[in-house]
Amino acid sequence: VNLKTIEWKDDCFENERTWPNNLLSNANVKVKKFTYKPIGNCIFHINAEAFSSSQYDSIKYLDLKNAKLNSSVFEDFVFKFKNLETLDLSNNYLEKITMNLTNELPHLAHLILTGNPKLSCECATIQNLKYHHDNTVQFGILRQ
């Protein structure tokens, strides 16, 4: 399969969604961009087994905005994408960023965190990312 972009718009009628294991088959090894768009009031649960190791290597753009995710998304899921260049976690329930993003995501060039009103992080984390590649960091309310 030669898919390079996957955009999933999810109506989520059950009010809760967990991605199944092997959501993306191993045939989708060329996927570069993955977007998940929940519609409605869905509570979303990440499942790291939904992607294969080849997808963790190939995906460069990950869009999980409006998915009601908390900060565990970083350690449980996002940090597995070693070639990630763009990460959009806008309008979620992020509370903190404690890990050094430049170490965990060395290729990250665009981090979008707008609409996370409870978000706090070590300012050095954001500054390191911003100056690492002269990258784009967008965030709204940010408490220290």
C-alpha atoms as a PDB file:
ATOM      1  CA  VAL A   1       0.000   0.000   0.000  1.00  0.00           C
ATOM      2  CA  ASN A   2       1.379   3.401  -0.947  1.00  0.00           C
ATOM      3  CA  LEU A   3      -0.680   5.616   1.354  1.00  0.00           C
ATOM      4  CA  LYS A   4       1.273   8.639   2.552  1.00  0.00           C
ATOM      5  CA  THR A   5      -1.506  10.502   4.384  1.00  0.00           C
ATOM      6  CA  ILE A   6      -4.232   9.149   6.638  1.00  0.00           C
ATOM      7  CA  GLU A   7      -6.958  11.415   7.981  1.00  0.00           C
ATOM      8  CA  TRP A   8      -9.484   9.754  10.250  1.00  0.00           C
ATOM      9  CA  LYS A   9     -12.664  11.659  11.076  1.00  0.00           C
ATOM     10  CA  ASP A  10     -14.296   9.822  13.958  1.00  0.00           C
ATOM     11  CA  ASP A  11     -17.948  10.288  14.922  1.00  0.00           C
ATOM     12  CA  CYS A  12     -17.405   8.123  18.027  1.00  0.00           C
ATOM     13  CA  PHE A  13     -21.010   7.319  18.904  1.00  0.00           C
ATOM     14  CA  GLU A  14     -20.006   5.330  22.001  1.00  0.00           C
ATOM     15  CA  ASN A  15     -18.655   8.468  23.800  1.00  0.00           C
ATOM     16  CA  GLU A  16     -15.374   6.638  24.263  1.00  0.00           C
ATOM     17  CA  ARG A  17     -12.778   5.381  21.805  1.00  0.00           C
ATOM     18  CA  THR A  18      -9.625   3.291  22.096  1.00  0.00           C
ATOM     19  CA  TRP A  19      -7.678   2.577  18.950  1.00  0.00           C
ATOM     20  CA  PRO A  20      -7.447  -1.178  18.352  1.00  0.00           C
ATOM     21  CA  ASN A  21      -4.133  -2.996  18.118  1.00  0.00           C
ATOM     22  CA  ASN A  22      -2.737  -2.832  14.589  1.00  0.00           C
ATOM     23  CA  LEU A  23      -5.029   0.027  13.584  1.00  0.00           C
ATOM     24  CA  LEU A  24      -2.623   0.655  10.725  1.00  0.00           C
ATOM     25  CA  SER A  25      -1.539  -2.544   9.058  1.00  0.00           C
ATOM     26  CA  ASN A  26       2.114  -3.260   8.410  1.00  0.00           C
ATOM     27  CA  ALA A  27       1.389  -2.602   4.739  1.00  0.00           C
ATOM     28  CA  ASN A  28       1.113   1.121   5.528  1.00  0.00           C
ATOM     29  CA  VAL A  29       4.859   1.604   5.907  1.00  0.00           C
ATOM     30  CA  LYS A  30       4.996   4.774   3.783  1.00  0.00           C
ATOM     31  CA  VAL A  31       2.569   6.852   5.857  1.00  0.00           C
ATOM     32  CA  LYS A  32       4.127  10.255   6.583  1.00  0.00           C
ATOM     33  CA  LYS A  33       1.111  12.174   7.904  1.00  0.00           C
ATOM     34  CA  PHE A  34      -1.521  10.934  10.350  1.00  0.00           C
ATOM     35  CA  THR A  35      -4.454  13.093  11.458  1.00  0.00           C
ATOM     36  CA  TYR A  36      -7.151  12.032  13.903  1.00  0.00           C
ATOM     37  CA  LYS A  37     -10.241  14.258  14.028  1.00  0.00           C
ATOM     38  CA  PRO A  38     -12.723  13.297  16.733  1.00  0.00           C
ATOM     39  CA  ILE A  39     -16.192  14.705  16.185  1.00  0.00           C
ATOM     40  CA  GLY A  40     -18.434  15.294  19.168  1.00  0.00           C
ATOM     41  CA  ASN A  41     -17.763  14.649  22.806  1.00  0.00           C
ATOM     42  CA  CYS A  42     -15.618  11.556  22.544  1.00  0.00           C
ATOM     43  CA  ILE A  43     -13.210  10.523  25.302  1.00  0.00           C
ATOM     44  CA  PHE A  44     -10.167   9.146  23.535  1.00  0.00           C
ATOM     45  CA  HIS A  45      -7.680   6.594  24.881  1.00  0.00           C
ATOM     46  CA  ILE A  46      -4.288   6.139  23.211  1.00  0.00           C
ATOM     47  CA  ASN A  47      -3.137   2.626  22.380  1.00  0.00           C
ATOM     48  CA  ALA A  48       0.547   2.495  21.469  1.00  0.00           C
ATOM     49  CA  GLU A  49       0.005  -0.910  19.829  1.00  0.00           C
ATOM     50  CA  ALA A  50      -2.176   0.720  17.149  1.00  0.00           C
ATOM     51  CA  PHE A  51       0.938   1.529  15.114  1.00  0.00           C
ATOM     52  CA  SER A  52       3.796  -0.712  14.023  1.00  0.00           C
ATOM     53  CA  SER A  53       7.460   0.099  14.532  1.00  0.00           C
ATOM     54  CA  SER A  54       7.758   0.978  10.838  1.00  0.00           C
ATOM     55  CA  GLN A  55       5.025   3.615  11.244  1.00  0.00           C
ATOM     56  CA  TYR A  56       6.723   5.001  14.325  1.00  0.00           C
ATOM     57  CA  ASP A  57       9.723   5.486  12.033  1.00  0.00           C
ATOM     58  CA  SER A  58       7.887   6.812   8.956  1.00  0.00           C
ATOM     59  CA  ILE A  59       5.332   9.290  10.363  1.00  0.00           C
ATOM     60  CA  LYS A  60       6.638  12.857  10.329  1.00  0.00           C
ATOM     61  CA  TYR A  61       3.381  14.757  10.930  1.00  0.00           C
ATOM     62  CA  LEU A  62       1.065  13.797  13.784  1.00  0.00           C
ATOM     63  CA  ASP A  63      -2.144  15.746  14.401  1.00  0.00           C
ATOM     64  CA  LEU A  64      -4.092  14.805  17.542  1.00  0.00           C
ATOM     65  CA  LYS A  65      -5.860  18.077  18.263  1.00  0.00           C
ATOM     66  CA  ASN A  66      -9.218  18.097  20.074  1.00  0.00           C
ATOM     67  CA  ALA A  67      -8.755  14.510  21.246  1.00  0.00           C
ATOM     68  CA  LYS A  68      -9.055  15.237  25.010  1.00  0.00           C
ATOM     69  CA  LEU A  69      -5.573  13.838  25.662  1.00  0.00           C
ATOM     70  CA  ASN A  70      -3.631  14.442  28.856  1.00  0.00           C
ATOM     71  CA  SER A  71       0.122  14.675  29.339  1.00  0.00           C
ATOM     72  CA  SER A  72       0.609  10.911  29.446  1.00  0.00           C
ATOM     73  CA  VAL A  73       0.326  11.052  25.640  1.00  0.00           C
ATOM     74  CA  PHE A  74       4.011  12.072  25.490  1.00  0.00           C
ATOM     75  CA  GLU A  75       5.579   9.168  27.325  1.00  0.00           C
ATOM     76  CA  ASP A  76       2.965   6.588  26.327  1.00  0.00           C
ATOM     77  CA  PHE A  77       2.791   7.420  22.641  1.00  0.00           C
ATOM     78  CA  VAL A  78       4.329  10.525  21.061  1.00  0.00           C
ATOM     79  CA  PHE A  79       7.944   9.808  22.033  1.00  0.00           C
ATOM     80  CA  LYS A  80       7.835   6.609  19.951  1.00  0.00           C
ATOM     81  CA  PHE A  81       7.772   8.715  16.742  1.00  0.00           C
ATOM     82  CA  LYS A  82      11.518   9.274  16.380  1.00  0.00           C
ATOM     83  CA  ASN A  83      11.298  11.098  13.025  1.00  0.00           C
ATOM     84  CA  LEU A  84       8.408  13.370  13.938  1.00  0.00           C
ATOM     85  CA  GLU A  85       8.773  16.879  12.497  1.00  0.00           C
ATOM     86  CA  THR A  86       5.329  18.364  13.272  1.00  0.00           C
ATOM     87  CA  LEU A  87       3.193  17.634  16.334  1.00  0.00           C
ATOM     88  CA  ASP A  88      -0.198  19.274  16.865  1.00  0.00           C
ATOM     89  CA  LEU A  89      -1.700  18.678  20.308  1.00  0.00           C
ATOM     90  CA  SER A  90      -3.933  21.758  20.296  1.00  0.00           C
ATOM     91  CA  ASN A  91      -7.092  21.875  22.396  1.00  0.00           C
ATOM     92  CA  ASN A  92      -6.357  18.923  24.628  1.00  0.00           C
ATOM     93  CA  TYR A  93      -6.000  18.526  28.392  1.00  0.00           C
ATOM     94  CA  LEU A  94      -2.212  18.660  28.638  1.00  0.00           C
ATOM     95  CA  GLU A  95      -0.957  19.587  32.098  1.00  0.00           C
ATOM     96  CA  LYS A  96       2.814  19.485  31.786  1.00  0.00           C
ATOM     97  CA  ILE A  97       5.782  18.697  29.603  1.00  0.00           C
ATOM     98  CA  THR A  98       8.561  17.334  31.751  1.00  0.00           C
ATOM     99  CA  MET A  99      10.747  15.526  29.250  1.00  0.00           C
ATOM    100  CA  ASN A 100      13.374  17.199  27.112  1.00  0.00           C
ATOM    101  CA  LEU A 101      11.657  17.329  23.736  1.00  0.00           C
ATOM    102  CA  THR A 102      14.877  17.807  21.783  1.00  0.00           C
ATOM    103  CA  ASN A 103      16.254  14.541  23.186  1.00  0.00           C
ATOM    104  CA  GLU A 104      13.057  12.546  22.730  1.00  0.00           C
ATOM    105  CA  LEU A 105      12.026  14.050  19.361  1.00  0.00           C
ATOM    106  CA  PRO A 106      15.258  15.190  17.699  1.00  0.00           C
ATOM    107  CA  HIS A 107      13.620  16.101  14.351  1.00  0.00           C
ATOM    108  CA  LEU A 108      10.691  18.055  15.782  1.00  0.00           C
ATOM    109  CA  ALA A 109      10.423  21.404  14.007  1.00  0.00           C
ATOM    110  CA  HIS A 110       6.826  22.442  14.735  1.00  0.00           C
ATOM    111  CA  LEU A 111       5.067  21.978  18.071  1.00  0.00           C
ATOM    112  CA  ILE A 112       1.522  23.326  18.371  1.00  0.00           C
ATOM    113  CA  LEU A 113       0.070  23.410  21.889  1.00  0.00           C
ATOM    114  CA  THR A 114      -2.577  26.140  21.701  1.00  0.00           C
ATOM    115  CA  GLY A 115      -5.761  25.653  23.707  1.00  0.00           C
ATOM    116  CA  ASN A 116      -4.275  23.698  26.616  1.00  0.00           C
ATOM    117  CA  PRO A 117      -5.206  26.050  29.477  1.00  0.00           C
ATOM    118  CA  LYS A 118      -3.692  23.908  32.263  1.00  0.00           C
ATOM    119  CA  LEU A 119      -0.369  23.411  30.508  1.00  0.00           C
ATOM    120  CA  SER A 120       2.806  24.169  32.376  1.00  0.00           C
ATOM    121  CA  CYS A 121       6.292  23.112  31.473  1.00  0.00           C
ATOM    122  CA  GLU A 122       9.869  23.833  32.236  1.00  0.00           C
ATOM    123  CA  CYS A 123      10.581  26.894  30.129  1.00  0.00           C
ATOM    124  CA  ALA A 124      13.940  25.412  29.215  1.00  0.00           C
ATOM    125  CA  THR A 125      12.093  22.603  27.439  1.00  0.00           C
ATOM    126  CA  ILE A 126      10.333  25.021  25.106  1.00  0.00           C
ATOM    127  CA  GLN A 127      13.404  27.227  24.681  1.00  0.00           C
ATOM    128  CA  ASN A 128      15.583  24.217  23.830  1.00  0.00           C
ATOM    129  CA  LEU A 129      13.136  23.185  21.155  1.00  0.00           C
ATOM    130  CA  LYS A 130      12.738  26.696  19.800  1.00  0.00           C
ATOM    131  CA  TYR A 131      16.466  27.272  19.387  1.00  0.00           C
ATOM    132  CA  HIS A 132      17.422  23.714  18.435  1.00  0.00           C
ATOM    133  CA  HIS A 133      16.428  24.108  14.783  1.00  0.00           C
ATOM    134  CA  ASP A 134      15.021  27.657  14.850  1.00  0.00           C
ATOM    135  CA  ASN A 135      11.681  25.895  15.108  1.00  0.00           C
ATOM    136  CA  THR A 136       8.094  26.982  15.500  1.00  0.00           C
ATOM    137  CA  VAL A 137       6.477  26.623  18.894  1.00  0.00           C
ATOM    138  CA  GLN A 138       2.897  27.793  19.267  1.00  0.00           C
ATOM    139  CA  PHE A 139       1.138  27.831  22.574  1.00  0.00           C
ATOM    140  CA  GLY A 140      -1.587  29.819  24.225  1.00  0.00           C
ATOM    141  CA  ILE A 141      -1.819  30.032  27.985  1.00  0.00           C
ATOM    142  CA  LEU A 142       1.380  28.690  29.505  1.00  0.00           C
ATOM    143  CA  ARG A 143       1.961  28.639  33.244  1.00  0.00           C
ATOM    144  CA  GLN A 144       5.331  28.055  34.872  1.00  0.00           C
END
